[in-house]
Amino acid sequence: MMRPGADAGDIDKVLREPVLAAGLRESYYHRVGYTLGLTYPPTSGEYIRQFMAGSSWRLEAGQVFHMLLIAAGIGFSETVLVTDDGPELLTQFARRLSER
């Protein structure tokens, strides 16, 4: 879904709603993604874009986001570049479970 012109609120819903529907969290008020780059680390300000319930902005090619889900004690995250052809995952680590 992370393509130029995509609605941030729609992307938020596909990440947030399944977590709640599965009962993996009682509530989910924090963001599921935010911009990386000029405003990193995440701060409030006019240049930061956040994926929150009710977000109404649209994605543009060249934007980079840190997307994350935290539920039932497990966190998942990806760094994603929005390109004209769709999302490019910038995270190069193997996707596997590991213990501390």
PDB file of N, CA and C in Angstrom:
ATOM      1  N   MET A   1       0.807  -1.208   0.000  1.00  0.00           N
ATOM      2  CA  MET A   1       0.000   0.000   0.000  1.00  0.00           C
ATOM      3  C   MET A   1       0.850   1.272   0.000  1.00  0.00           C
ATOM      4  N   MET A   2       2.105   1.168   0.334  1.00  0.00           N
ATOM      5  CA  MET A   2       2.932   2.369   0.495  1.00  0.00           C
ATOM      6  C   MET A   2       3.465   2.830  -0.858  1.00  0.00           C
ATOM      7  N   ARG A   3       2.587   3.518  -1.583  1.00  0.00           N
ATOM      8  CA  ARG A   3       2.878   4.054  -2.906  1.00  0.00           C
ATOM      9  C   ARG A   3       2.543   5.537  -2.924  1.00  0.00           C
ATOM     10  N   PRO A   4       3.129   6.301  -3.841  1.00  0.00           N
ATOM     11  CA  PRO A   4       2.763   7.710  -3.948  1.00  0.00           C
ATOM     12  C   PRO A   4       1.238   7.862  -4.108  1.00  0.00           C
ATOM     13  N   GLY A   5       0.667   8.783  -3.354  1.00  0.00           N
ATOM     14  CA  GLY A   5      -0.767   9.035  -3.399  1.00  0.00           C
ATOM     15  C   GLY A   5      -1.584   8.220  -2.417  1.00  0.00           C
ATOM     16  N   ALA A   6      -0.977   7.207  -1.789  1.00  0.00           N
ATOM     17  CA  ALA A   6      -1.711   6.385  -0.813  1.00  0.00           C
ATOM     18  C   ALA A   6      -2.083   7.229   0.394  1.00  0.00           C
ATOM     19  N   ASP A   7      -3.229   6.954   0.949  1.00  0.00           N
ATOM     20  CA  ASP A   7      -3.733   7.668   2.126  1.00  0.00           C
ATOM     21  C   ASP A   7      -3.119   7.076   3.392  1.00  0.00           C
ATOM     22  N   ALA A   8      -2.486   7.915   4.198  1.00  0.00           N
ATOM     23  CA  ALA A   8      -1.834   7.456   5.428  1.00  0.00           C
ATOM     24  C   ALA A   8      -2.824   6.811   6.388  1.00  0.00           C
ATOM     25  N   GLY A   9      -4.058   7.316   6.430  1.00  0.00           N
ATOM     26  CA  GLY A   9      -5.073   6.730   7.305  1.00  0.00           C
ATOM     27  C   GLY A   9      -5.426   5.314   6.909  1.00  0.00           C
ATOM     28  N   ASP A  10      -5.452   5.021   5.604  1.00  0.00           N
ATOM     29  CA  ASP A  10      -5.735   3.660   5.139  1.00  0.00           C
ATOM     30  C   ASP A  10      -4.611   2.713   5.540  1.00  0.00           C
ATOM     31  N   ILE A  11      -3.369   3.168   5.415  1.00  0.00           N
ATOM     32  CA  ILE A  11      -2.227   2.332   5.815  1.00  0.00           C
ATOM     33  C   ILE A  11      -2.267   2.091   7.313  1.00  0.00           C
ATOM     34  N   ASP A  12      -2.573   3.123   8.083  1.00  0.00           N
ATOM     35  CA  ASP A  12      -2.697   2.975   9.530  1.00  0.00           C
ATOM     36  C   ASP A  12      -3.724   1.892   9.872  1.00  0.00           C
ATOM     37  N   LYS A  13      -4.865   1.915   9.212  1.00  0.00           N
ATOM     38  CA  LYS A  13      -5.936   0.943   9.509  1.00  0.00           C
ATOM     39  C   LYS A  13      -5.498  -0.496   9.272  1.00  0.00           C
ATOM     40  N   VAL A  14      -4.781  -0.759   8.164  1.00  0.00           N
ATOM     41  CA  VAL A  14      -4.391  -2.140   7.883  1.00  0.00           C
ATOM     42  C   VAL A  14      -3.344  -2.647   8.856  1.00  0.00           C
ATOM     43  N   LEU A  15      -2.666  -1.757   9.555  1.00  0.00           N
ATOM     44  CA  LEU A  15      -1.714  -2.167  10.580  1.00  0.00           C
ATOM     45  C   LEU A  15      -2.366  -2.257  11.961  1.00  0.00           C
ATOM     46  N   ARG A  16      -3.162  -1.275  12.296  1.00  0.00           N
ATOM     47  CA  ARG A  16      -3.737  -1.148  13.632  1.00  0.00           C
ATOM     48  C   ARG A  16      -4.918  -2.096  13.877  1.00  0.00           C
ATOM     49  N   GLU A  17      -5.855  -2.148  12.950  1.00  0.00           N
ATOM     50  CA  GLU A  17      -7.107  -2.870  13.196  1.00  0.00           C
ATOM     51  C   GLU A  17      -6.946  -4.373  13.404  1.00  0.00           C
ATOM     52  N   PRO A  18      -6.094  -5.080  12.658  1.00  0.00           N
ATOM     53  CA  PRO A  18      -5.938  -6.523  12.924  1.00  0.00           C
ATOM     54  C   PRO A  18      -5.382  -6.827  14.312  1.00  0.00           C
ATOM     55  N   VAL A  19      -4.512  -5.973  14.810  1.00  0.00           N
ATOM     56  CA  VAL A  19      -3.947  -6.154  16.151  1.00  0.00           C
ATOM     57  C   VAL A  19      -5.065  -6.069  17.197  1.00  0.00           C
ATOM     58  N   LEU A  20      -5.909  -5.070  17.048  1.00  0.00           N
ATOM     59  CA  LEU A  20      -7.027  -4.904  17.984  1.00  0.00           C
ATOM     60  C   LEU A  20      -8.050  -6.025  17.829  1.00  0.00           C
ATOM     61  N   ALA A  21      -8.377  -6.382  16.585  1.00  0.00           N
ATOM     62  CA  ALA A  21      -9.375  -7.430  16.334  1.00  0.00           C
ATOM     63  C   ALA A  21      -8.927  -8.786  16.880  1.00  0.00           C
ATOM     64  N   ALA A  22      -7.635  -9.038  16.860  1.00  0.00           N
ATOM     65  CA  ALA A  22      -7.107 -10.310  17.366  1.00  0.00           C
ATOM     66  C   ALA A  22      -6.956 -10.310  18.881  1.00  0.00           C
ATOM     67  N   GLY A  23      -7.211  -9.172  19.519  1.00  0.00           N
ATOM     68  CA  GLY A  23      -7.085  -9.087  20.970  1.00  0.00           C
ATOM     69  C   GLY A  23      -5.650  -9.046  21.458  1.00  0.00           C
ATOM     70  N   LEU A  24      -4.731  -8.663  20.597  1.00  0.00           N
ATOM     71  CA  LEU A  24      -3.323  -8.607  20.990  1.00  0.00           C
ATOM     72  C   LEU A  24      -2.988  -7.361  21.802  1.00  0.00           C
ATOM     73  N   ARG A  25      -3.887  -6.396  21.784  1.00  0.00           N
ATOM     74  CA  ARG A  25      -3.787  -5.188  22.609  1.00  0.00           C
ATOM     75  C   ARG A  25      -5.200  -4.775  22.978  1.00  0.00           C
ATOM     76  N   GLU A  26      -5.353  -4.212  24.172  1.00  0.00           N
ATOM     77  CA  GLU A  26      -6.662  -3.686  24.565  1.00  0.00           C
ATOM     78  C   GLU A  26      -6.941  -2.350  23.887  1.00  0.00           C
ATOM     79  N   SER A  27      -5.901  -1.557  23.694  1.00  0.00           N
ATOM     80  CA  SER A  27      -6.018  -0.274  23.006  1.00  0.00           C
ATOM     81  C   SER A  27      -4.734  -0.054  22.211  1.00  0.00           C
ATOM     82  N   TYR A  28      -4.801   0.825  21.235  1.00  0.00           N
ATOM     83  CA  TYR A  28      -3.630   1.078  20.405  1.00  0.00           C
ATOM     84  C   TYR A  28      -3.673   2.536  19.985  1.00  0.00           C
ATOM     85  N   TYR A  29      -3.143   3.410  20.858  1.00  0.00           N
ATOM     86  CA  TYR A  29      -3.233   4.845  20.620  1.00  0.00           C
ATOM     87  C   TYR A  29      -1.980   5.446  19.996  1.00  0.00           C
ATOM     88  N   HIS A  30      -0.839   4.781  20.113  1.00  0.00           N
ATOM     89  CA  HIS A  30       0.380   5.393  19.588  1.00  0.00           C
ATOM     90  C   HIS A  30       0.502   5.155  18.081  1.00  0.00           C
ATOM     91  N   ARG A  31       1.430   5.826  17.473  1.00  0.00           N
ATOM     92  CA  ARG A  31       1.628   5.756  16.030  1.00  0.00           C
ATOM     93  C   ARG A  31       2.151   4.393  15.593  1.00  0.00           C
ATOM     94  N   VAL A  32       1.896   4.057  14.325  1.00  0.00           N
ATOM     95  CA  VAL A  32       2.418   2.818  13.749  1.00  0.00           C
ATOM     96  C   VAL A  32       3.518   3.109  12.732  1.00  0.00           C
ATOM     97  N   GLY A  33       3.857   4.398  12.568  1.00  0.00           N
ATOM     98  CA  GLY A  33       4.944   4.771  11.676  1.00  0.00           C
ATOM     99  C   GLY A  33       5.191   6.265  11.735  1.00  0.00           C
ATOM    100  N   TYR A  34       6.397   6.673  11.317  1.00  0.00           N
ATOM    101  CA  TYR A  34       6.752   8.088  11.309  1.00  0.00           C
ATOM    102  C   TYR A  34       7.902   8.310  10.338  1.00  0.00           C
ATOM    103  N   THR A  35       8.092   9.562   9.933  1.00  0.00           N
ATOM    104  CA  THR A  35       9.139   9.904   8.980  1.00  0.00           C
ATOM    105  C   THR A  35      10.528   9.763   9.594  1.00  0.00           C
ATOM    106  N   LEU A  36      11.468   9.439   8.733  1.00  0.00           N
ATOM    107  CA  LEU A  36      12.890   9.457   9.077  1.00  0.00           C
ATOM    108  C   LEU A  36      13.547  10.510   8.204  1.00  0.00           C
ATOM    109  N   GLY A  37      14.634  11.050   8.679  1.00  0.00           N
ATOM    110  CA  GLY A  37      15.357  12.042   7.891  1.00  0.00           C
ATOM    111  C   GLY A  37      15.570  13.305   8.683  1.00  0.00           C
ATOM    112  N   LEU A  38      15.172  14.417   8.122  1.00  0.00           N
ATOM    113  CA  LEU A  38      15.436  15.723   8.699  1.00  0.00           C
ATOM    114  C   LEU A  38      14.962  15.851  10.141  1.00  0.00           C
ATOM    115  N   THR A  39      13.821  15.257  10.483  1.00  0.00           N
ATOM    116  CA  THR A  39      13.265  15.426  11.827  1.00  0.00           C
ATOM    117  C   THR A  39      13.572  14.263  12.752  1.00  0.00           C
ATOM    118  N   TYR A  40      14.461  13.348  12.364  1.00  0.00           N
ATOM    119  CA  TYR A  40      14.786  12.227  13.239  1.00  0.00           C
ATOM    120  C   TYR A  40      15.724  12.708  14.339  1.00  0.00           C
ATOM    121  N   PRO A  41      15.635  12.324  15.603  1.00  0.00           N
ATOM    122  CA  PRO A  41      14.635  11.407  16.134  1.00  0.00           C
ATOM    123  C   PRO A  41      13.247  12.047  16.160  1.00  0.00           C
ATOM    124  N   PRO A  42      12.218  11.206  16.245  1.00  0.00           N
ATOM    125  CA  PRO A  42      10.863  11.744  16.159  1.00  0.00           C
ATOM    126  C   PRO A  42      10.617  12.882  17.146  1.00  0.00           C
ATOM    127  N   THR A  43      10.156  13.988  16.620  1.00  0.00           N
ATOM    128  CA  THR A  43       9.813  15.150  17.434  1.00  0.00           C
ATOM    129  C   THR A  43       8.527  15.738  16.900  1.00  0.00           C
ATOM    130  N   SER A  44       7.917  16.603  17.655  1.00  0.00           N
ATOM    131  CA  SER A  44       6.770  17.303  17.114  1.00  0.00           C
ATOM    132  C   SER A  44       7.293  18.418  16.227  1.00  0.00           C
ATOM    133  N   GLY A  45       6.555  18.754  15.215  1.00  0.00           N
ATOM    134  CA  GLY A  45       6.981  19.797  14.302  1.00  0.00           C
ATOM    135  C   GLY A  45       6.239  19.676  12.995  1.00  0.00           C
ATOM    136  N   GLU A  46       6.354  20.697  12.183  1.00  0.00           N
ATOM    137  CA  GLU A  46       5.556  20.737  10.963  1.00  0.00           C
ATOM    138  C   GLU A  46       6.030  19.760   9.899  1.00  0.00           C
ATOM    139  N   TYR A  47       7.257  19.238   9.990  1.00  0.00           N
ATOM    140  CA  TYR A  47       7.779  18.382   8.936  1.00  0.00           C
ATOM    141  C   TYR A  47       7.597  16.891   9.198  1.00  0.00           C
ATOM    142  N   ILE A  48       7.234  16.517  10.391  1.00  0.00           N
ATOM    143  CA  ILE A  48       7.084  15.091  10.700  1.00  0.00           C
ATOM    144  C   ILE A  48       5.724  14.603  10.216  1.00  0.00           C
ATOM    145  N   ARG A  49       5.712  13.407   9.652  1.00  0.00           N
ATOM    146  CA  ARG A  49       4.474  12.750   9.263  1.00  0.00           C
ATOM    147  C   ARG A  49       4.361  11.499  10.113  1.00  0.00           C
ATOM    148  N   GLN A  50       3.192  11.278  10.689  1.00  0.00           N
ATOM    149  CA  GLN A  50       2.973  10.116  11.525  1.00  0.00           C
ATOM    150  C   GLN A  50       1.757   9.336  11.017  1.00  0.00           C
ATOM    151  N   PHE A  51       1.838   8.025  11.124  1.00  0.00           N
ATOM    152  CA  PHE A  51       0.703   7.169  10.818  1.00  0.00           C
ATOM    153  C   PHE A  51      -0.058   6.969  12.122  1.00  0.00           C
ATOM    154  N   MET A  52      -1.189   7.644  12.210  1.00  0.00           N
ATOM    155  CA  MET A  52      -2.039   7.602  13.401  1.00  0.00           C
ATOM    156  C   MET A  52      -3.472   7.355  12.940  1.00  0.00           C
ATOM    157  N   ALA A  53      -4.320   6.874  13.847  1.00  0.00           N
ATOM    158  CA  ALA A  53      -5.731   6.743  13.521  1.00  0.00           C
ATOM    159  C   ALA A  53      -6.245   8.108  13.088  1.00  0.00           C
ATOM    160  N   GLY A  54      -6.887   8.177  11.945  1.00  0.00           N
ATOM    161  CA  GLY A  54      -7.434   9.434  11.449  1.00  0.00           C
ATOM    162  C   GLY A  54      -6.474  10.275  10.630  1.00  0.00           C
ATOM    163  N   SER A  55      -5.258   9.784  10.364  1.00  0.00           N
ATOM    164  CA  SER A  55      -4.328  10.544   9.520  1.00  0.00           C
ATOM    165  C   SER A  55      -4.963  10.791   8.155  1.00  0.00           C
ATOM    166  N   SER A  56      -4.732  11.992   7.587  1.00  0.00           N
ATOM    167  CA  SER A  56      -5.388  12.314   6.320  1.00  0.00           C
ATOM    168  C   SER A  56      -4.413  12.813   5.246  1.00  0.00           C
ATOM    169  N   TRP A  57      -3.136  12.645   5.420  1.00  0.00           N
ATOM    170  CA  TRP A  57      -2.160  13.088   4.429  1.00  0.00           C
ATOM    171  C   TRP A  57      -1.845  11.953   3.462  1.00  0.00           C
ATOM    172  N   ARG A  58      -1.191  12.276   2.365  1.00  0.00           N
ATOM    173  CA  ARG A  58      -0.879  11.291   1.314  1.00  0.00           C
ATOM    174  C   ARG A  58       0.630  11.112   1.168  1.00  0.00           C
ATOM    175  N   LEU A  59       1.027   9.884   0.854  1.00  0.00           N
ATOM    176  CA  LEU A  59       2.435   9.560   0.676  1.00  0.00           C
ATOM    177  C   LEU A  59       2.956  10.132  -0.637  1.00  0.00           C
ATOM    178  N   GLU A  60       4.272  10.443  -0.644  1.00  0.00           N
ATOM    179  CA  GLU A  60       4.944  10.951  -1.829  1.00  0.00           C
ATOM    180  C   GLU A  60       6.210  10.137  -2.067  1.00  0.00           C
ATOM    181  N   ALA A  61       6.583   9.992  -3.335  1.00  0.00           N
ATOM    182  CA  ALA A  61       7.834   9.306  -3.672  1.00  0.00           C
ATOM    183  C   ALA A  61       8.995  10.014  -2.992  1.00  0.00           C
ATOM    184  N   GLY A  62       9.939   9.233  -2.482  1.00  0.00           N
ATOM    185  CA  GLY A  62      11.127   9.776  -1.825  1.00  0.00           C
ATOM    186  C   GLY A  62      11.008   9.862  -0.312  1.00  0.00           C
ATOM    187  N   GLN A  63       9.815   9.695   0.223  1.00  0.00           N
ATOM    188  CA  GLN A  63       9.666   9.728   1.677  1.00  0.00           C
ATOM    189  C   GLN A  63      10.186   8.420   2.271  1.00  0.00           C
ATOM    190  N   VAL A  64      10.745   8.518   3.480  1.00  0.00           N
ATOM    191  CA  VAL A  64      11.250   7.344   4.200  1.00  0.00           C
ATOM    192  C   VAL A  64      10.563   7.291   5.549  1.00  0.00           C
ATOM    193  N   PHE A  65      10.074   6.101   5.907  1.00  0.00           N
ATOM    194  CA  PHE A  65       9.329   5.925   7.152  1.00  0.00           C
ATOM    195  C   PHE A  65       9.881   4.765   7.960  1.00  0.00           C
ATOM    196  N   HIS A  66       9.794   4.896   9.274  1.00  0.00           N
ATOM    197  CA  HIS A  66      10.007   3.775  10.181  1.00  0.00           C
ATOM    198  C   HIS A  66       8.615   3.301  10.566  1.00  0.00           C
ATOM    199  N   MET A  67       8.270   2.085  10.165  1.00  0.00           N
ATOM    200  CA  MET A  67       6.963   1.504  10.454  1.00  0.00           C
ATOM    201  C   MET A  67       7.135   0.480  11.564  1.00  0.00           C
ATOM    202  N   LEU A  68       6.220   0.478  12.546  1.00  0.00           N
ATOM    203  CA  LEU A  68       6.370  -0.433  13.662  1.00  0.00           C
ATOM    204  C   LEU A  68       5.021  -0.875  14.223  1.00  0.00           C
ATOM    205  N   LEU A  69       5.002  -2.097  14.682  1.00  0.00           N
ATOM    206  CA  LEU A  69       3.861  -2.655  15.402  1.00  0.00           C
ATOM    207  C   LEU A  69       4.383  -3.281  16.672  1.00  0.00           C
ATOM    208  N   ILE A  70       3.686  -3.031  17.760  1.00  0.00           N
ATOM    209  CA  ILE A  70       4.050  -3.635  19.042  1.00  0.00           C
ATOM    210  C   ILE A  70       2.778  -4.216  19.622  1.00  0.00           C
ATOM    211  N   ALA A  71       2.783  -5.534  19.830  1.00  0.00           N
ATOM    212  CA  ALA A  71       1.588  -6.196  20.342  1.00  0.00           C
ATOM    213  C   ALA A  71       1.980  -7.476  21.050  1.00  0.00           C
ATOM    214  N   ALA A  72       1.324  -7.744  22.155  1.00  0.00           N
ATOM    215  CA  ALA A  72       1.539  -8.967  22.930  1.00  0.00           C
ATOM    216  C   ALA A  72       3.019  -9.172  23.262  1.00  0.00           C
ATOM    217  N   GLY A  73       3.721  -8.079  23.540  1.00  0.00           N
ATOM    218  CA  GLY A  73       5.117  -8.170  23.944  1.00  0.00           C
ATOM    219  C   GLY A  73       6.106  -8.359  22.813  1.00  0.00           C
ATOM    220  N   ILE A  74       5.656  -8.299  21.568  1.00  0.00           N
ATOM    221  CA  ILE A  74       6.534  -8.478  20.416  1.00  0.00           C
ATOM    222  C   ILE A  74       6.476  -7.222  19.558  1.00  0.00           C
ATOM    223  N   GLY A  75       7.623  -6.783  19.082  1.00  0.00           N
ATOM    224  CA  GLY A  75       7.676  -5.627  18.204  1.00  0.00           C
ATOM    225  C   GLY A  75       8.219  -6.003  16.839  1.00  0.00           C
ATOM    226  N   PHE A  76       7.643  -5.412  15.811  1.00  0.00           N
ATOM    227  CA  PHE A  76       8.085  -5.599  14.435  1.00  0.00           C
ATOM    228  C   PHE A  76       8.312  -4.220  13.842  1.00  0.00           C
ATOM    229  N   SER A  77       9.394  -4.042  13.077  1.00  0.00           N
ATOM    230  CA  SER A  77       9.581  -2.750  12.428  1.00  0.00           C
ATOM    231  C   SER A  77      10.324  -2.915  11.114  1.00  0.00           C
ATOM    232  N   GLU A  78      10.113  -1.956  10.233  1.00  0.00           N
ATOM    233  CA  GLU A  78      10.767  -1.885   8.934  1.00  0.00           C
ATOM    234  C   GLU A  78      11.049  -0.430   8.619  1.00  0.00           C
ATOM    235  N   THR A  79      12.128  -0.175   7.923  1.00  0.00           N
ATOM    236  CA  THR A  79      12.387   1.141   7.362  1.00  0.00           C
ATOM    237  C   THR A  79      12.031   1.043   5.887  1.00  0.00           C
ATOM    238  N   VAL A  80      11.137   1.932   5.429  1.00  0.00           N
ATOM    239  CA  VAL A  80      10.563   1.825   4.098  1.00  0.00           C
ATOM    240  C   VAL A  80      10.761   3.127   3.325  1.00  0.00           C
ATOM    241  N   LEU A  81      11.242   3.002   2.083  1.00  0.00           N
ATOM    242  CA  LEU A  81      11.332   4.116   1.147  1.00  0.00           C
ATOM    243  C   LEU A  81      10.156   4.018   0.193  1.00  0.00           C
ATOM    244  N   VAL A  82       9.417   5.103   0.013  1.00  0.00           N
ATOM    245  CA  VAL A  82       8.316   5.136  -0.955  1.00  0.00           C
ATOM    246  C   VAL A  82       8.905   5.508  -2.309  1.00  0.00           C
ATOM    247  N   THR A  83       8.744   4.631  -3.299  1.00  0.00           N
ATOM    248  CA  THR A  83       9.230   4.903  -4.652  1.00  0.00           C
ATOM    249  C   THR A  83       8.039   4.957  -5.603  1.00  0.00           C
ATOM    250  N   ASP A  84       8.289   5.407  -6.823  1.00  0.00           N
ATOM    251  CA  ASP A  84       7.222   5.434  -7.824  1.00  0.00           C
ATOM    252  C   ASP A  84       6.687   4.037  -8.112  1.00  0.00           C
ATOM    253  N   ASP A  85       7.514   3.006  -7.894  1.00  0.00           N
ATOM    254  CA  ASP A  85       7.114   1.621  -8.136  1.00  0.00           C
ATOM    255  C   ASP A  85       6.557   0.933  -6.900  1.00  0.00           C
ATOM    256  N   GLY A  86       6.471   1.642  -5.791  1.00  0.00           N
ATOM    257  CA  GLY A  86       5.967   1.058  -4.547  1.00  0.00           C
ATOM    258  C   GLY A  86       7.014   1.113  -3.458  1.00  0.00           C
ATOM    259  N   PRO A  87       6.812   0.332  -2.398  1.00  0.00           N
ATOM    260  CA  PRO A  87       7.730   0.400  -1.253  1.00  0.00           C
ATOM    261  C   PRO A  87       9.033  -0.350  -1.511  1.00  0.00           C
ATOM    262  N   GLU A  88      10.113   0.207  -0.975  1.00  0.00           N
ATOM    263  CA  GLU A  88      11.404  -0.475  -0.960  1.00  0.00           C
ATOM    264  C   GLU A  88      11.811  -0.625   0.495  1.00  0.00           C
ATOM    265  N   LEU A  89      11.986  -1.876   0.932  1.00  0.00           N
ATOM    266  CA  LEU A  89      12.394  -2.126   2.313  1.00  0.00           C
ATOM    267  C   LEU A  89      13.882  -1.849   2.442  1.00  0.00           C
ATOM    268  N   LEU A  90      14.239  -0.968   3.357  1.00  0.00           N
ATOM    269  CA  LEU A  90      15.636  -0.595   3.550  1.00  0.00           C
ATOM    270  C   LEU A  90      16.306  -1.422   4.634  1.00  0.00           C
ATOM    271  N   THR A  91      15.522  -2.087   5.469  1.00  0.00           N
ATOM    272  CA  THR A  91      16.067  -2.941   6.520  1.00  0.00           C
ATOM    273  C   THR A  91      16.695  -4.166   5.868  1.00  0.00           C
ATOM    274  N   GLN A  92      17.949  -4.437   6.179  1.00  0.00           N
ATOM    275  CA  GLN A  92      18.668  -5.541   5.542  1.00  0.00           C
ATOM    276  C   GLN A  92      18.879  -6.743   6.463  1.00  0.00           C
ATOM    277  N   PHE A  93      18.384  -6.663   7.709  1.00  0.00           N
ATOM    278  CA  PHE A  93      18.556  -7.776   8.636  1.00  0.00           C
ATOM    279  C   PHE A  93      17.634  -8.925   8.286  1.00  0.00           C
ATOM    280  N   ALA A  94      18.069 -10.137   8.609  1.00  0.00           N
ATOM    281  CA  ALA A  94      17.223 -11.316   8.400  1.00  0.00           C
ATOM    282  C   ALA A  94      15.969 -11.184   9.250  1.00  0.00           C
ATOM    283  N   ARG A  95      14.858 -11.598   8.716  1.00  0.00           N
ATOM    284  CA  ARG A  95      13.588 -11.537   9.446  1.00  0.00           C
ATOM    285  C   ARG A  95      13.353 -12.882  10.117  1.00  0.00           C
ATOM    286  N   ARG A  96      13.769 -12.936  11.389  1.00  0.00           N
ATOM    287  CA  ARG A  96      13.627 -14.172  12.178  1.00  0.00           C
ATOM    288  C   ARG A  96      13.461 -13.792  13.633  1.00  0.00           C
ATOM    289  N   LEU A  97      12.864 -14.681  14.376  1.00  0.00           N
ATOM    290  CA  LEU A  97      12.718 -14.459  15.814  1.00  0.00           C
ATOM    291  C   LEU A  97      14.034 -14.739  16.507  1.00  0.00           C
ATOM    292  N   SER A  98      14.323 -13.985  17.523  1.00  0.00           N
ATOM    293  CA  SER A  98      15.530 -14.233  18.308  1.00  0.00           C
ATOM    294  C   SER A  98      15.238 -13.982  19.781  1.00  0.00           C
ATOM    295  N   GLU A  99      16.011 -14.619  20.624  1.00  0.00           N
ATOM    296  CA  GLU A  99      15.869 -14.442  22.073  1.00  0.00           C
ATOM    297  C   GLU A  99      16.945 -13.493  22.554  1.00  0.00           C
ATOM    298  N   ARG A 100      16.649 -12.823  23.644  1.00  0.00           N
ATOM    299  CA  ARG A 100      17.668 -11.972  24.268  1.00  0.00           C
ATOM    300  C   ARG A 100      18.619 -12.812  25.056  1.00  0.00           C
TER     301      ARG A 100
END
